[in-house]
Amino acid sequence: MIAAIAVCSGATLAALLLSLPGGEGRRSRRAVAPALRRGIEVTAIVGLLLLLRVVDGLTVITGGFIVLGFMVAEVILSARPSRASR
């Protein structure tokens, strides 16, 4: 049940992100990868939070660490490389 809810929420987010209109009105391959990555991230976040809830380990602190960890990962993964690192 937990896995089904987590996968459903991640798939819904990915579908919503893919349905948003792009800059030029067409979807490129580059736009698909971030949408799928964010869908997978939401799947993992929801799954971990629900799993912690089931085992009575969900508190504001543990939930905050999970969400904050994924937010930091998203910032790092979505950052564009600078000119010096190319």
N, C-alpha and C. Protein backbone atom coordinates (compact mmCIF):
# COMPACT_ATOMS: atom_id res chain seq x y z
N MET A 1 0.82 -1.18 0.00
CA MET A 1 0.00 0.00 0.00
C MET A 1 0.87 1.26 0.00
N ILE A 2 1.93 1.24 0.81
CA ILE A 2 2.83 2.40 0.87
C ILE A 2 3.50 2.62 -0.47
N ALA A 3 3.98 1.53 -1.07
CA ALA A 3 4.66 1.66 -2.36
C ALA A 3 3.70 2.17 -3.44
N ALA A 4 2.46 1.71 -3.40
CA ALA A 4 1.49 2.13 -4.40
C ALA A 4 1.19 3.62 -4.28
N ILE A 5 1.03 4.10 -3.07
CA ILE A 5 0.75 5.53 -2.86
C ILE A 5 1.95 6.36 -3.29
N ALA A 6 3.16 5.91 -2.94
CA ALA A 6 4.37 6.66 -3.28
C ALA A 6 4.56 6.72 -4.79
N VAL A 7 4.41 5.59 -5.47
CA VAL A 7 4.59 5.55 -6.92
C VAL A 7 3.51 6.37 -7.62
N CYS A 8 2.29 6.31 -7.12
CA CYS A 8 1.20 7.09 -7.72
C CYS A 8 1.47 8.58 -7.59
N SER A 9 1.95 9.02 -6.43
CA SER A 9 2.22 10.45 -6.25
C SER A 9 3.39 10.90 -7.13
N GLY A 10 4.43 10.09 -7.25
CA GLY A 10 5.55 10.45 -8.11
C GLY A 10 5.18 10.47 -9.57
N ALA A 11 4.38 9.49 -10.00
CA ALA A 11 3.95 9.45 -11.40
C ALA A 11 3.03 10.62 -11.73
N THR A 12 2.18 10.99 -10.78
CA THR A 12 1.29 12.12 -11.00
C THR A 12 2.07 13.41 -11.16
N LEU A 13 3.07 13.61 -10.29
CA LEU A 13 3.89 14.81 -10.40
C LEU A 13 4.65 14.84 -11.73
N ALA A 14 5.23 13.71 -12.12
CA ALA A 14 5.97 13.67 -13.38
C ALA A 14 5.05 13.96 -14.57
N ALA A 15 3.84 13.41 -14.53
CA ALA A 15 2.89 13.68 -15.62
C ALA A 15 2.48 15.14 -15.65
N LEU A 16 2.29 15.74 -14.49
CA LEU A 16 1.95 17.15 -14.44
C LEU A 16 3.09 18.02 -14.96
N LEU A 17 4.32 17.68 -14.59
CA LEU A 17 5.46 18.46 -15.07
C LEU A 17 5.64 18.32 -16.58
N LEU A 18 5.37 17.14 -17.09
CA LEU A 18 5.50 16.93 -18.54
C LEU A 18 4.38 17.60 -19.31
N SER A 19 3.23 17.82 -18.67
CA SER A 19 2.12 18.43 -19.38
C SER A 19 2.20 19.96 -19.40
N LEU A 20 3.07 20.54 -18.60
CA LEU A 20 3.22 21.99 -18.61
C LEU A 20 3.79 22.43 -19.94
N PRO A 21 3.33 23.55 -20.47
CA PRO A 21 3.86 24.01 -21.76
C PRO A 21 5.32 24.43 -21.63
N GLY A 22 6.10 24.09 -22.64
CA GLY A 22 7.52 24.45 -22.65
C GLY A 22 7.74 25.83 -23.20
N GLY A 23 9.00 26.24 -23.26
CA GLY A 23 9.32 27.57 -23.76
C GLY A 23 8.98 27.75 -25.22
N GLU A 24 9.23 26.73 -26.04
CA GLU A 24 8.98 26.82 -27.47
C GLU A 24 7.74 26.04 -27.88
N GLY A 25 6.98 25.56 -26.93
CA GLY A 25 5.77 24.82 -27.25
C GLY A 25 6.00 23.36 -27.59
N ARG A 26 7.20 22.90 -27.47
CA ARG A 26 7.47 21.49 -27.75
C ARG A 26 8.33 20.93 -26.63
N ARG A 27 8.19 19.65 -26.41
CA ARG A 27 8.98 19.00 -25.37
C ARG A 27 10.29 18.50 -25.96
N SER A 28 11.36 18.81 -25.32
CA SER A 28 12.65 18.29 -25.76
C SER A 28 13.05 17.16 -24.84
N ARG A 29 14.07 16.45 -25.23
CA ARG A 29 14.54 15.35 -24.39
C ARG A 29 15.11 15.86 -23.08
N ARG A 30 15.61 17.06 -23.09
CA ARG A 30 16.17 17.62 -21.86
C ARG A 30 15.08 17.92 -20.84
N ALA A 31 13.87 18.21 -21.27
CA ALA A 31 12.78 18.53 -20.35
C ALA A 31 12.19 17.27 -19.71
N VAL A 32 12.37 16.13 -20.35
CA VAL A 32 11.81 14.90 -19.81
C VAL A 32 12.62 14.41 -18.62
N ALA A 33 13.93 14.49 -18.69
CA ALA A 33 14.78 13.98 -17.63
C ALA A 33 14.54 14.67 -16.29
N PRO A 34 14.49 16.00 -16.22
CA PRO A 34 14.22 16.62 -14.92
C PRO A 34 12.83 16.28 -14.37
N ALA A 35 11.84 16.15 -15.24
CA ALA A 35 10.50 15.80 -14.77
C ALA A 35 10.48 14.39 -14.18
N LEU A 36 11.16 13.47 -14.83
CA LEU A 36 11.22 12.11 -14.30
C LEU A 36 12.04 12.05 -13.02
N ARG A 37 13.13 12.83 -12.96
CA ARG A 37 13.95 12.86 -11.74
C ARG A 37 13.13 13.39 -10.56
N ARG A 38 12.37 14.45 -10.80
CA ARG A 38 11.55 15.01 -9.71
C ARG A 38 10.44 14.05 -9.32
N GLY A 39 9.89 13.33 -10.28
CA GLY A 39 8.89 12.32 -9.94
C GLY A 39 9.46 11.21 -9.09
N ILE A 40 10.68 10.78 -9.39
CA ILE A 40 11.34 9.75 -8.59
C ILE A 40 11.65 10.28 -7.20
N GLU A 41 12.06 11.55 -7.12
CA GLU A 41 12.33 12.14 -5.81
C GLU A 41 11.08 12.19 -4.95
N VAL A 42 9.96 12.59 -5.54
CA VAL A 42 8.71 12.64 -4.79
C VAL A 42 8.29 11.24 -4.36
N THR A 43 8.50 10.26 -5.21
CA THR A 43 8.20 8.87 -4.85
C THR A 43 9.01 8.46 -3.63
N ALA A 44 10.29 8.77 -3.63
CA ALA A 44 11.14 8.41 -2.50
C ALA A 44 10.75 9.16 -1.23
N ILE A 45 10.46 10.44 -1.35
CA ILE A 45 10.07 11.23 -0.17
C ILE A 45 8.78 10.70 0.44
N VAL A 46 7.77 10.50 -0.38
CA VAL A 46 6.48 10.02 0.12
C VAL A 46 6.63 8.63 0.71
N GLY A 47 7.38 7.76 0.04
CA GLY A 47 7.60 6.41 0.55
C GLY A 47 8.30 6.40 1.89
N LEU A 48 9.34 7.22 2.03
CA LEU A 48 10.06 7.28 3.30
C LEU A 48 9.21 7.86 4.42
N LEU A 49 8.47 8.91 4.12
CA LEU A 49 7.61 9.51 5.14
C LEU A 49 6.52 8.55 5.58
N LEU A 50 5.91 7.84 4.64
CA LEU A 50 4.88 6.87 5.01
C LEU A 50 5.46 5.69 5.78
N LEU A 51 6.64 5.26 5.39
CA LEU A 51 7.29 4.17 6.12
C LEU A 51 7.62 4.57 7.55
N LEU A 52 8.12 5.79 7.72
CA LEU A 52 8.38 6.28 9.08
C LEU A 52 7.09 6.40 9.88
N ARG A 53 6.00 6.76 9.23
CA ARG A 53 4.72 6.88 9.92
C ARG A 53 4.24 5.51 10.40
N VAL A 54 4.46 4.49 9.59
CA VAL A 54 4.01 3.14 9.95
C VAL A 54 4.78 2.62 11.16
N VAL A 55 6.07 2.89 11.23
CA VAL A 55 6.88 2.37 12.34
C VAL A 55 6.97 3.36 13.50
N ASP A 56 6.10 4.35 13.51
CA ASP A 56 6.05 5.38 14.56
C ASP A 56 7.38 6.12 14.73
N GLY A 57 8.04 6.37 13.63
CA GLY A 57 9.30 7.10 13.68
C GLY A 57 9.20 8.48 13.06
N LEU A 58 8.00 8.85 12.64
CA LEU A 58 7.83 10.14 11.98
C LEU A 58 7.63 11.24 13.01
N THR A 59 8.57 12.14 13.04
CA THR A 59 8.45 13.35 13.85
C THR A 59 8.75 14.52 12.93
N VAL A 60 8.60 15.71 13.46
CA VAL A 60 8.91 16.89 12.66
C VAL A 60 10.39 16.89 12.28
N ILE A 61 11.23 16.43 13.18
CA ILE A 61 12.68 16.43 12.92
C ILE A 61 13.04 15.41 11.84
N THR A 62 12.55 14.17 11.96
CA THR A 62 12.91 13.17 10.95
C THR A 62 12.30 13.52 9.59
N GLY A 63 11.08 14.01 9.58
CA GLY A 63 10.47 14.43 8.33
C GLY A 63 11.22 15.59 7.71
N GLY A 64 11.66 16.53 8.54
CA GLY A 64 12.43 17.66 8.05
C GLY A 64 13.76 17.25 7.44
N PHE A 65 14.43 16.28 8.10
CA PHE A 65 15.70 15.80 7.55
C PHE A 65 15.50 15.13 6.19
N ILE A 66 14.44 14.37 6.03
CA ILE A 66 14.20 13.71 4.75
C ILE A 66 13.92 14.74 3.66
N VAL A 67 13.01 15.66 3.94
CA VAL A 67 12.66 16.65 2.92
C VAL A 67 13.84 17.57 2.63
N LEU A 68 14.55 17.99 3.66
CA LEU A 68 15.71 18.87 3.46
C LEU A 68 16.81 18.17 2.66
N GLY A 69 17.03 16.90 2.94
CA GLY A 69 18.03 16.15 2.17
C GLY A 69 17.72 16.09 0.70
N PHE A 70 16.46 15.85 0.37
CA PHE A 70 16.07 15.81 -1.04
C PHE A 70 16.07 17.19 -1.68
N MET A 71 15.78 18.22 -0.90
CA MET A 71 15.84 19.58 -1.44
C MET A 71 17.28 19.96 -1.78
N VAL A 72 18.21 19.60 -0.92
CA VAL A 72 19.63 19.88 -1.20
C VAL A 72 20.09 19.10 -2.43
N ALA A 73 19.67 17.86 -2.53
CA ALA A 73 20.04 17.05 -3.70
C ALA A 73 19.48 17.65 -4.98
N GLU A 74 18.26 18.16 -4.93
CA GLU A 74 17.65 18.78 -6.12
C GLU A 74 18.40 20.04 -6.53
N VAL A 75 18.81 20.84 -5.55
CA VAL A 75 19.57 22.05 -5.87
C VAL A 75 20.90 21.69 -6.52
N ILE A 76 21.55 20.68 -6.00
CA ILE A 76 22.85 20.26 -6.56
C ILE A 76 22.67 19.68 -7.95
N LEU A 77 21.66 18.84 -8.14
CA LEU A 77 21.46 18.20 -9.44
C LEU A 77 20.96 19.16 -10.51
N SER A 78 20.24 20.19 -10.12
CA SER A 78 19.70 21.11 -11.11
C SER A 78 20.60 22.31 -11.38
N ALA A 79 21.71 22.43 -10.66
CA ALA A 79 22.63 23.55 -10.88
C ALA A 79 23.35 23.35 -12.21
N ARG A 80 23.49 24.43 -12.92
CA ARG A 80 24.22 24.37 -14.19
C ARG A 80 25.70 24.49 -13.91
N PRO A 81 26.52 23.75 -14.67
CA PRO A 81 27.96 23.85 -14.46
C PRO A 81 28.48 25.22 -14.87
N SER A 82 29.47 25.69 -14.15
CA SER A 82 30.05 27.00 -14.48
C SER A 82 31.01 26.86 -15.66
N ARG A 83 31.41 27.97 -16.21
CA ARG A 83 32.33 27.97 -17.36
C ARG A 83 33.66 27.31 -17.01
N ALA A 84 34.16 27.52 -15.80
CA ALA A 84 35.46 26.99 -15.42
C ALA A 84 35.47 25.48 -15.33
N SER A 85 34.33 24.85 -15.02
CA SER A 85 34.30 23.41 -14.86
C SER A 85 34.05 22.67 -16.16
N ARG A 86 33.82 23.36 -17.24
CA ARG A 86 33.58 22.69 -18.52
C ARG A 86 34.82 22.28 -19.15
